[in-house]
């Protein structure tokens, strides 16, 4: 799994991040289709340095830019979205989501998951639903039905 390779590299470099977006839903059992990995990362200088090393290892470049620009520390310090292509697949590295929600803001609504020995945080389905409700893109609105149904099923299974 290419996504697992990206996650393992981030974890190996001790990058502080939370998986958000469609992959957060997939990892929690929602029957949705997505091809990229979206993460929100901590903006501390030390974390940005670790993220930069991980992205270098992954051969990351800005997606859809024919100049094949490599993300650097200055890019990673910005609050914008970094839409990247890595040797393991697409990665959207986000400093914030929603209006200005940071990594630290998302921690209370995140759960630990493990894939192939890599332990990392993923945004809860309940919080992901809140995020998607604020977006007006058709794909996000369509995903809401599946997210709500998955959350309902998971809650029925809990004691």
N, C-alpha and C. Protein backbone atom coordinates (compact mmCIF):
# COMPACT_ATOMS: atom_id res chain seq x y z
N UNK A 1 0.85 -1.19 0.00
CA UNK A 1 0.00 0.00 0.00
C UNK A 1 0.89 1.24 0.00
N UNK A 2 0.74 2.10 -1.00
CA UNK A 2 1.56 3.29 -1.13
C UNK A 2 1.34 4.27 0.02
N UNK A 3 0.09 4.40 0.45
CA UNK A 3 -0.22 5.31 1.56
C UNK A 3 0.52 4.86 2.81
N UNK A 4 0.57 3.56 3.03
CA UNK A 4 1.29 3.03 4.20
C UNK A 4 2.75 3.42 4.14
N UNK A 5 3.33 3.42 2.95
CA UNK A 5 4.74 3.80 2.80
C UNK A 5 4.97 5.25 3.18
N UNK A 6 4.06 6.13 2.78
CA UNK A 6 4.18 7.54 3.15
C UNK A 6 4.07 7.68 4.67
N UNK A 7 3.07 7.04 5.25
CA UNK A 7 2.87 7.12 6.70
C UNK A 7 4.08 6.58 7.44
N UNK A 8 4.59 5.43 7.00
CA UNK A 8 5.76 4.85 7.66
C UNK A 8 6.96 5.79 7.60
N UNK A 9 7.15 6.47 6.49
CA UNK A 9 8.27 7.41 6.38
C UNK A 9 8.07 8.59 7.32
N UNK A 10 6.87 9.13 7.37
CA UNK A 10 6.60 10.24 8.29
C UNK A 10 6.83 9.82 9.74
N UNK A 11 6.34 8.64 10.10
CA UNK A 11 6.51 8.13 11.47
C UNK A 11 7.99 7.87 11.76
N UNK A 12 8.72 7.30 10.81
CA UNK A 12 10.15 7.02 11.00
C UNK A 12 10.94 8.30 11.26
N UNK A 13 10.46 9.42 10.73
CA UNK A 13 11.13 10.71 10.94
C UNK A 13 10.54 11.48 12.13
N UNK A 14 9.65 10.82 12.88
CA UNK A 14 9.01 11.45 14.05
C UNK A 14 8.24 12.72 13.72
N UNK A 15 7.65 12.77 12.55
CA UNK A 15 6.84 13.92 12.16
C UNK A 15 5.54 13.89 12.96
N UNK A 16 5.16 15.03 13.51
CA UNK A 16 3.89 15.15 14.22
C UNK A 16 2.83 15.54 13.19
N UNK A 17 1.84 14.66 13.00
CA UNK A 17 0.80 14.90 12.01
C UNK A 17 -0.47 14.16 12.40
N UNK A 18 -1.57 14.59 11.79
CA UNK A 18 -2.86 13.93 11.91
C UNK A 18 -3.36 13.66 10.50
N UNK A 19 -3.77 12.43 10.22
CA UNK A 19 -4.37 12.11 8.94
C UNK A 19 -5.80 12.65 8.95
N UNK A 20 -6.14 13.39 7.89
CA UNK A 20 -7.47 13.98 7.75
C UNK A 20 -8.01 13.60 6.37
N UNK A 21 -9.18 14.08 6.03
CA UNK A 21 -9.71 13.87 4.68
C UNK A 21 -10.19 12.45 4.44
N UNK A 22 -10.28 12.12 3.15
CA UNK A 22 -10.81 10.83 2.75
C UNK A 22 -10.08 9.65 3.32
N UNK A 23 -8.74 9.74 3.43
CA UNK A 23 -7.98 8.61 3.97
C UNK A 23 -8.28 8.39 5.45
N UNK A 24 -8.58 9.45 6.19
CA UNK A 24 -8.99 9.28 7.59
C UNK A 24 -10.26 8.46 7.64
N UNK A 25 -11.16 8.69 6.71
CA UNK A 25 -12.40 7.92 6.65
C UNK A 25 -12.13 6.47 6.28
N UNK A 26 -11.31 6.26 5.26
CA UNK A 26 -10.98 4.90 4.82
C UNK A 26 -10.34 4.10 5.95
N UNK A 27 -9.40 4.72 6.65
CA UNK A 27 -8.68 4.03 7.73
C UNK A 27 -9.59 3.63 8.89
N UNK A 28 -10.76 4.27 8.96
CA UNK A 28 -11.71 3.95 10.02
C UNK A 28 -12.90 3.15 9.51
N UNK A 29 -12.77 2.62 8.29
CA UNK A 29 -13.77 1.69 7.78
C UNK A 29 -14.83 2.26 6.88
N UNK A 30 -14.77 3.54 6.56
CA UNK A 30 -15.78 4.11 5.68
C UNK A 30 -15.54 3.65 4.24
N UNK A 31 -16.58 3.27 3.55
CA UNK A 31 -16.44 2.78 2.16
C UNK A 31 -16.36 3.92 1.16
N UNK A 32 -15.30 4.71 1.26
CA UNK A 32 -15.11 5.83 0.34
C UNK A 32 -13.87 5.59 -0.50
N UNK A 33 -13.78 6.28 -1.61
CA UNK A 33 -12.63 6.13 -2.51
C UNK A 33 -11.81 7.42 -2.46
N UNK A 34 -10.52 7.27 -2.26
CA UNK A 34 -9.60 8.40 -2.31
C UNK A 34 -8.24 7.89 -2.77
N UNK A 35 -7.49 8.74 -3.41
CA UNK A 35 -6.18 8.30 -3.88
C UNK A 35 -5.03 9.04 -3.22
N UNK A 36 -5.34 10.08 -2.44
CA UNK A 36 -4.26 10.83 -1.81
C UNK A 36 -4.34 10.75 -0.30
N UNK A 37 -3.27 11.15 0.32
CA UNK A 37 -3.19 11.21 1.77
C UNK A 37 -3.15 12.68 2.16
N UNK A 38 -4.07 13.09 3.02
CA UNK A 38 -4.10 14.46 3.54
C UNK A 38 -3.64 14.42 4.99
N UNK A 39 -2.68 15.27 5.31
CA UNK A 39 -2.24 15.38 6.70
C UNK A 39 -2.23 16.84 7.12
N UNK A 40 -2.45 17.08 8.40
CA UNK A 40 -2.21 18.37 9.02
C UNK A 40 -1.02 18.15 9.93
N UNK A 41 0.00 18.97 9.78
CA UNK A 41 1.24 18.80 10.53
C UNK A 41 1.48 19.95 11.49
N UNK A 42 2.24 19.66 12.55
CA UNK A 42 2.60 20.68 13.54
C UNK A 42 3.57 21.67 12.91
N UNK A 43 3.40 22.94 13.23
CA UNK A 43 4.20 24.01 12.64
C UNK A 43 5.44 24.38 13.45
N UNK A 44 5.80 23.59 14.44
CA UNK A 44 7.01 23.89 15.20
C UNK A 44 8.23 23.75 14.28
N UNK A 45 9.26 24.52 14.57
CA UNK A 45 10.48 24.48 13.75
C UNK A 45 11.07 23.07 13.68
N UNK A 46 11.09 22.38 14.82
CA UNK A 46 11.67 21.03 14.84
C UNK A 46 10.84 20.06 14.00
N UNK A 47 9.52 20.20 14.04
CA UNK A 47 8.67 19.31 13.25
C UNK A 47 8.80 19.61 11.76
N UNK A 48 8.89 20.87 11.42
CA UNK A 48 9.06 21.23 10.01
C UNK A 48 10.38 20.66 9.48
N UNK A 49 11.42 20.70 10.30
CA UNK A 49 12.72 20.13 9.88
C UNK A 49 12.59 18.63 9.64
N UNK A 50 11.87 17.93 10.53
CA UNK A 50 11.67 16.48 10.36
C UNK A 50 10.81 16.18 9.14
N UNK A 51 9.77 17.00 8.93
CA UNK A 51 8.90 16.83 7.77
C UNK A 51 9.69 17.05 6.48
N UNK A 52 10.54 18.04 6.46
CA UNK A 52 11.36 18.31 5.27
C UNK A 52 12.24 17.11 4.93
N UNK A 53 12.83 16.50 5.94
CA UNK A 53 13.66 15.30 5.72
C UNK A 53 12.82 14.14 5.19
N UNK A 54 11.64 13.95 5.76
CA UNK A 54 10.76 12.87 5.30
C UNK A 54 10.34 13.09 3.85
N UNK A 55 10.01 14.34 3.52
CA UNK A 55 9.60 14.64 2.15
C UNK A 55 10.75 14.45 1.16
N UNK A 56 11.96 14.76 1.59
CA UNK A 56 13.13 14.52 0.75
C UNK A 56 13.28 13.03 0.48
N UNK A 57 13.13 12.22 1.53
CA UNK A 57 13.22 10.77 1.37
C UNK A 57 12.14 10.25 0.42
N UNK A 58 10.97 10.86 0.46
CA UNK A 58 9.85 10.45 -0.38
C UNK A 58 9.92 11.03 -1.79
N UNK A 59 10.94 11.84 -2.07
CA UNK A 59 11.08 12.44 -3.39
C UNK A 59 9.95 13.39 -3.73
N UNK A 60 9.44 14.13 -2.74
CA UNK A 60 8.28 14.99 -2.93
C UNK A 60 8.59 16.21 -3.80
N UNK A 61 7.64 16.50 -4.69
CA UNK A 61 7.65 17.71 -5.50
C UNK A 61 6.23 18.25 -5.54
N UNK A 62 6.11 19.53 -5.85
CA UNK A 62 4.77 20.10 -5.97
C UNK A 62 4.06 19.50 -7.17
N UNK A 63 2.85 19.03 -6.93
CA UNK A 63 2.05 18.38 -7.95
C UNK A 63 1.61 19.40 -9.01
N UNK A 64 1.48 18.94 -10.23
CA UNK A 64 0.97 19.76 -11.33
C UNK A 64 1.82 21.00 -11.61
N UNK A 65 3.09 20.96 -11.23
CA UNK A 65 4.01 22.05 -11.55
C UNK A 65 5.14 21.45 -12.38
N UNK A 66 5.22 21.82 -13.65
CA UNK A 66 6.22 21.21 -14.52
C UNK A 66 7.66 21.48 -14.09
N UNK A 67 7.86 22.47 -13.22
CA UNK A 67 9.23 22.77 -12.76
C UNK A 67 9.72 21.77 -11.72
N UNK A 68 8.82 20.92 -11.20
CA UNK A 68 9.17 19.89 -10.22
C UNK A 68 9.87 20.51 -9.00
N UNK A 69 9.24 21.52 -8.44
CA UNK A 69 9.79 22.23 -7.29
C UNK A 69 9.72 21.34 -6.06
N UNK A 70 10.82 21.25 -5.34
CA UNK A 70 10.91 20.48 -4.11
C UNK A 70 10.48 21.38 -2.95
N UNK A 71 9.57 20.90 -2.08
CA UNK A 71 9.15 21.73 -0.94
C UNK A 71 10.32 21.95 0.02
N UNK A 72 10.49 23.20 0.45
CA UNK A 72 11.56 23.52 1.39
C UNK A 72 10.96 24.05 2.69
N UNK A 73 11.82 24.40 3.61
CA UNK A 73 11.37 24.86 4.92
C UNK A 73 10.45 26.08 4.82
N UNK A 74 10.78 26.99 3.93
CA UNK A 74 9.94 28.18 3.75
C UNK A 74 8.53 27.81 3.31
N UNK A 75 8.42 26.88 2.37
CA UNK A 75 7.10 26.41 1.94
C UNK A 75 6.34 25.80 3.12
N UNK A 76 7.04 24.95 3.87
CA UNK A 76 6.39 24.21 4.95
C UNK A 76 5.98 25.11 6.12
N UNK A 77 6.64 26.25 6.27
CA UNK A 77 6.28 27.19 7.34
C UNK A 77 5.02 27.98 7.01
N UNK A 78 4.65 28.03 5.73
CA UNK A 78 3.47 28.79 5.33
C UNK A 78 2.21 28.05 5.75
N UNK A 79 1.14 28.79 5.89
CA UNK A 79 -0.12 28.19 6.33
C UNK A 79 -0.93 27.59 5.18
N UNK A 80 -0.45 27.73 3.96
CA UNK A 80 -1.18 27.20 2.81
C UNK A 80 -1.09 25.70 2.69
N UNK A 81 -1.81 25.18 1.72
CA UNK A 81 -1.81 23.74 1.43
C UNK A 81 -0.68 23.44 0.46
N UNK A 82 0.06 22.39 0.73
CA UNK A 82 1.13 21.93 -0.14
C UNK A 82 0.66 20.64 -0.80
N UNK A 83 0.31 20.73 -2.08
CA UNK A 83 -0.19 19.57 -2.82
C UNK A 83 1.01 18.94 -3.51
N UNK A 84 1.41 17.78 -3.00
CA UNK A 84 2.67 17.16 -3.40
C UNK A 84 2.47 15.82 -4.09
N UNK A 85 3.45 15.47 -4.90
CA UNK A 85 3.53 14.13 -5.47
C UNK A 85 4.80 13.50 -4.91
N UNK A 86 4.69 12.30 -4.36
CA UNK A 86 5.85 11.59 -3.84
C UNK A 86 6.05 10.33 -4.66
N UNK A 87 7.16 9.66 -4.44
CA UNK A 87 7.41 8.40 -5.13
C UNK A 87 6.41 7.33 -4.71
N UNK A 88 5.73 7.55 -3.57
CA UNK A 88 4.74 6.59 -3.08
C UNK A 88 3.30 7.03 -3.36
N UNK A 89 3.12 8.19 -3.98
CA UNK A 89 1.77 8.67 -4.29
C UNK A 89 1.55 10.09 -3.85
N UNK A 90 0.33 10.60 -4.09
CA UNK A 90 0.02 11.98 -3.75
C UNK A 90 -0.12 12.21 -2.25
N UNK A 91 0.39 13.36 -1.80
CA UNK A 91 0.33 13.76 -0.40
C UNK A 91 -0.04 15.22 -0.33
N UNK A 92 -1.10 15.54 0.39
CA UNK A 92 -1.47 16.92 0.64
C UNK A 92 -1.05 17.25 2.06
N UNK A 93 -0.02 18.08 2.19
CA UNK A 93 0.51 18.49 3.49
C UNK A 93 -0.11 19.84 3.84
N UNK A 94 -0.93 19.85 4.87
CA UNK A 94 -1.71 21.03 5.23
C UNK A 94 -1.24 21.58 6.57
N UNK A 95 -1.04 22.89 6.61
CA UNK A 95 -0.69 23.52 7.88
C UNK A 95 -1.95 23.72 8.72
N UNK A 96 -3.07 23.97 8.05
CA UNK A 96 -4.35 24.16 8.72
C UNK A 96 -5.46 23.59 7.85
N UNK A 97 -6.61 23.36 8.48
CA UNK A 97 -7.84 23.05 7.75
C UNK A 97 -8.91 23.99 8.27
N UNK A 98 -10.06 23.96 7.64
CA UNK A 98 -11.16 24.86 7.98
C UNK A 98 -10.65 26.30 7.91
N UNK A 99 -11.13 27.16 8.77
CA UNK A 99 -10.72 28.56 8.73
C UNK A 99 -9.26 28.71 9.16
N UNK A 100 -8.89 28.06 10.24
CA UNK A 100 -7.51 28.18 10.74
C UNK A 100 -7.24 27.12 11.81
N UNK A 101 -7.76 25.92 11.62
CA UNK A 101 -7.61 24.84 12.60
C UNK A 101 -6.25 24.18 12.42
N UNK A 102 -5.47 24.14 13.50
CA UNK A 102 -4.10 23.64 13.45
C UNK A 102 -4.02 22.19 13.94
N UNK A 103 -2.84 21.62 13.79
CA UNK A 103 -2.53 20.29 14.31
C UNK A 103 -2.93 20.19 15.78
N UNK A 104 -2.50 21.15 16.57
CA UNK A 104 -2.79 21.12 18.01
C UNK A 104 -4.29 21.16 18.29
N UNK A 105 -5.02 21.92 17.48
CA UNK A 105 -6.48 22.00 17.64
C UNK A 105 -7.16 20.66 17.37
N UNK A 106 -6.57 19.86 16.47
CA UNK A 106 -7.17 18.59 16.07
C UNK A 106 -6.86 17.44 17.03
N UNK A 107 -5.84 17.57 17.85
CA UNK A 107 -5.43 16.47 18.72
C UNK A 107 -6.55 15.91 19.60
N UNK A 108 -7.36 16.76 20.23
CA UNK A 108 -8.43 16.19 21.08
C UNK A 108 -9.45 15.35 20.30
N UNK A 109 -9.55 15.58 18.99
CA UNK A 109 -10.51 14.86 18.16
C UNK A 109 -9.84 13.81 17.28
N UNK A 110 -8.66 13.36 17.71
CA UNK A 110 -7.90 12.37 16.94
C UNK A 110 -7.70 11.10 17.75
N UNK A 111 -7.59 10.00 17.03
CA UNK A 111 -7.37 8.71 17.66
C UNK A 111 -6.10 8.10 17.10
N UNK A 112 -5.48 7.21 17.88
CA UNK A 112 -4.29 6.51 17.42
C UNK A 112 -4.69 5.33 16.55
N UNK A 113 -3.96 5.15 15.46
CA UNK A 113 -4.10 3.97 14.61
C UNK A 113 -2.71 3.42 14.34
N UNK A 114 -2.67 2.18 13.87
CA UNK A 114 -1.39 1.58 13.51
C UNK A 114 -1.54 0.84 12.18
N UNK A 115 -0.58 1.09 11.29
CA UNK A 115 -0.52 0.39 10.00
C UNK A 115 0.89 -0.15 9.86
N UNK A 116 0.98 -1.45 9.71
CA UNK A 116 2.27 -2.09 9.47
C UNK A 116 3.36 -1.58 10.40
N UNK A 117 3.02 -1.50 11.68
CA UNK A 117 3.98 -1.10 12.69
C UNK A 117 4.15 0.39 12.89
N UNK A 118 3.52 1.21 12.09
CA UNK A 118 3.62 2.67 12.22
C UNK A 118 2.40 3.19 12.96
N UNK A 119 2.63 3.82 14.11
CA UNK A 119 1.54 4.35 14.95
C UNK A 119 1.42 5.85 14.69
N UNK A 120 0.18 6.31 14.44
CA UNK A 120 -0.04 7.71 14.07
C UNK A 120 -1.46 8.14 14.46
N UNK A 121 -1.70 9.44 14.38
CA UNK A 121 -3.02 9.99 14.72
C UNK A 121 -3.87 10.14 13.47
N UNK A 122 -5.17 9.89 13.65
CA UNK A 122 -6.14 10.06 12.57
C UNK A 122 -7.34 10.82 13.14
N UNK A 123 -7.88 11.74 12.35
CA UNK A 123 -9.02 12.52 12.78
C UNK A 123 -10.24 11.61 12.94
N UNK A 124 -10.96 11.76 14.03
CA UNK A 124 -12.13 10.92 14.29
C UNK A 124 -13.20 11.15 13.22
N UNK A 125 -14.02 10.14 13.01
CA UNK A 125 -15.09 10.27 12.03
C UNK A 125 -16.06 11.39 12.41
N UNK A 126 -16.35 11.52 13.69
CA UNK A 126 -17.28 12.57 14.13
C UNK A 126 -16.74 13.95 13.77
N UNK A 127 -15.46 14.17 14.00
CA UNK A 127 -14.85 15.47 13.69
C UNK A 127 -14.69 15.65 12.18
N UNK A 128 -14.40 14.57 11.46
CA UNK A 128 -14.30 14.65 10.01
C UNK A 128 -15.63 15.06 9.39
N UNK A 129 -16.71 14.58 9.96
CA UNK A 129 -18.05 14.97 9.50
C UNK A 129 -18.24 16.47 9.65
N UNK A 130 -17.83 17.03 10.78
CA UNK A 130 -17.93 18.47 11.00
C UNK A 130 -17.13 19.24 9.95
N UNK A 131 -15.93 18.77 9.65
CA UNK A 131 -15.09 19.41 8.64
C UNK A 131 -15.78 19.36 7.28
N UNK A 132 -16.26 18.19 6.89
CA UNK A 132 -16.88 18.02 5.57
C UNK A 132 -18.18 18.81 5.44
N UNK A 133 -18.91 18.99 6.56
CA UNK A 133 -20.15 19.76 6.52
C UNK A 133 -19.90 21.22 6.12
N UNK A 134 -18.71 21.70 6.36
CA UNK A 134 -18.38 23.09 6.04
C UNK A 134 -17.95 23.29 4.59
N UNK A 135 -17.72 22.20 3.88
CA UNK A 135 -17.26 22.28 2.50
C UNK A 135 -18.43 22.12 1.55
N UNK A 136 -18.40 22.85 0.46
CA UNK A 136 -19.52 22.80 -0.49
C UNK A 136 -19.21 22.03 -1.76
N UNK A 137 -18.05 21.38 -1.81
CA UNK A 137 -17.72 20.61 -3.01
C UNK A 137 -18.64 19.39 -3.07
N UNK A 138 -19.10 19.04 -4.26
CA UNK A 138 -19.99 17.88 -4.40
C UNK A 138 -19.39 16.60 -3.83
N UNK A 139 -18.09 16.37 -4.01
CA UNK A 139 -17.49 15.14 -3.51
C UNK A 139 -17.53 15.08 -1.98
N UNK A 140 -17.39 16.22 -1.32
CA UNK A 140 -17.46 16.24 0.15
C UNK A 140 -18.89 16.03 0.63
N UNK A 141 -19.85 16.63 -0.05
CA UNK A 141 -21.25 16.44 0.32
C UNK A 141 -21.68 14.99 0.11
N UNK A 142 -21.21 14.36 -0.96
CA UNK A 142 -21.53 12.95 -1.22
C UNK A 142 -20.91 12.05 -0.15
N UNK A 143 -19.70 12.40 0.28
CA UNK A 143 -19.01 11.59 1.28
C UNK A 143 -19.71 11.64 2.63
N UNK A 144 -20.41 12.73 2.92
CA UNK A 144 -21.07 12.87 4.22
C UNK A 144 -22.04 11.74 4.51
N UNK A 145 -22.77 11.30 3.52
CA UNK A 145 -23.74 10.21 3.71
C UNK A 145 -23.01 8.96 4.20
N UNK A 146 -21.90 8.63 3.55
CA UNK A 146 -21.13 7.44 3.93
C UNK A 146 -20.46 7.60 5.29
N UNK A 147 -19.97 8.79 5.58
CA UNK A 147 -19.33 9.02 6.88
C UNK A 147 -20.33 8.87 8.02
N UNK A 148 -21.49 9.45 7.84
CA UNK A 148 -22.52 9.35 8.89
C UNK A 148 -22.96 7.90 9.08
N UNK A 149 -23.15 7.18 8.00
CA UNK A 149 -23.57 5.78 8.09
C UNK A 149 -22.49 4.93 8.76
N UNK A 150 -21.24 5.17 8.43
CA UNK A 150 -20.14 4.42 9.05
C UNK A 150 -20.06 4.72 10.54
N UNK A 151 -20.18 5.99 10.90
CA UNK A 151 -20.14 6.36 12.32
C UNK A 151 -21.29 5.71 13.07
N UNK A 152 -22.48 5.70 12.48
CA UNK A 152 -23.64 5.05 13.11
C UNK A 152 -23.36 3.56 13.35
N UNK A 153 -22.81 2.89 12.34
CA UNK A 153 -22.50 1.45 12.47
C UNK A 153 -21.45 1.20 13.55
N UNK A 154 -20.43 2.02 13.57
CA UNK A 154 -19.37 1.85 14.59
C UNK A 154 -19.93 2.07 16.00
N UNK A 155 -20.81 3.04 16.15
CA UNK A 155 -21.39 3.30 17.46
C UNK A 155 -22.30 2.16 17.92
N UNK A 156 -22.95 1.49 16.99
CA UNK A 156 -23.78 0.34 17.33
C UNK A 156 -22.93 -0.82 17.82
N UNK A 157 -21.72 -0.93 17.34
CA UNK A 157 -20.83 -2.04 17.70
C UNK A 157 -20.13 -1.84 19.03
N UNK A 158 -20.11 -0.60 19.52
CA UNK A 158 -19.42 -0.32 20.78
C UNK A 158 -20.32 -0.70 21.95
N UNK A 159 -19.70 -1.26 22.99
CA UNK A 159 -20.50 -1.65 24.16
C UNK A 159 -21.03 -0.46 24.94
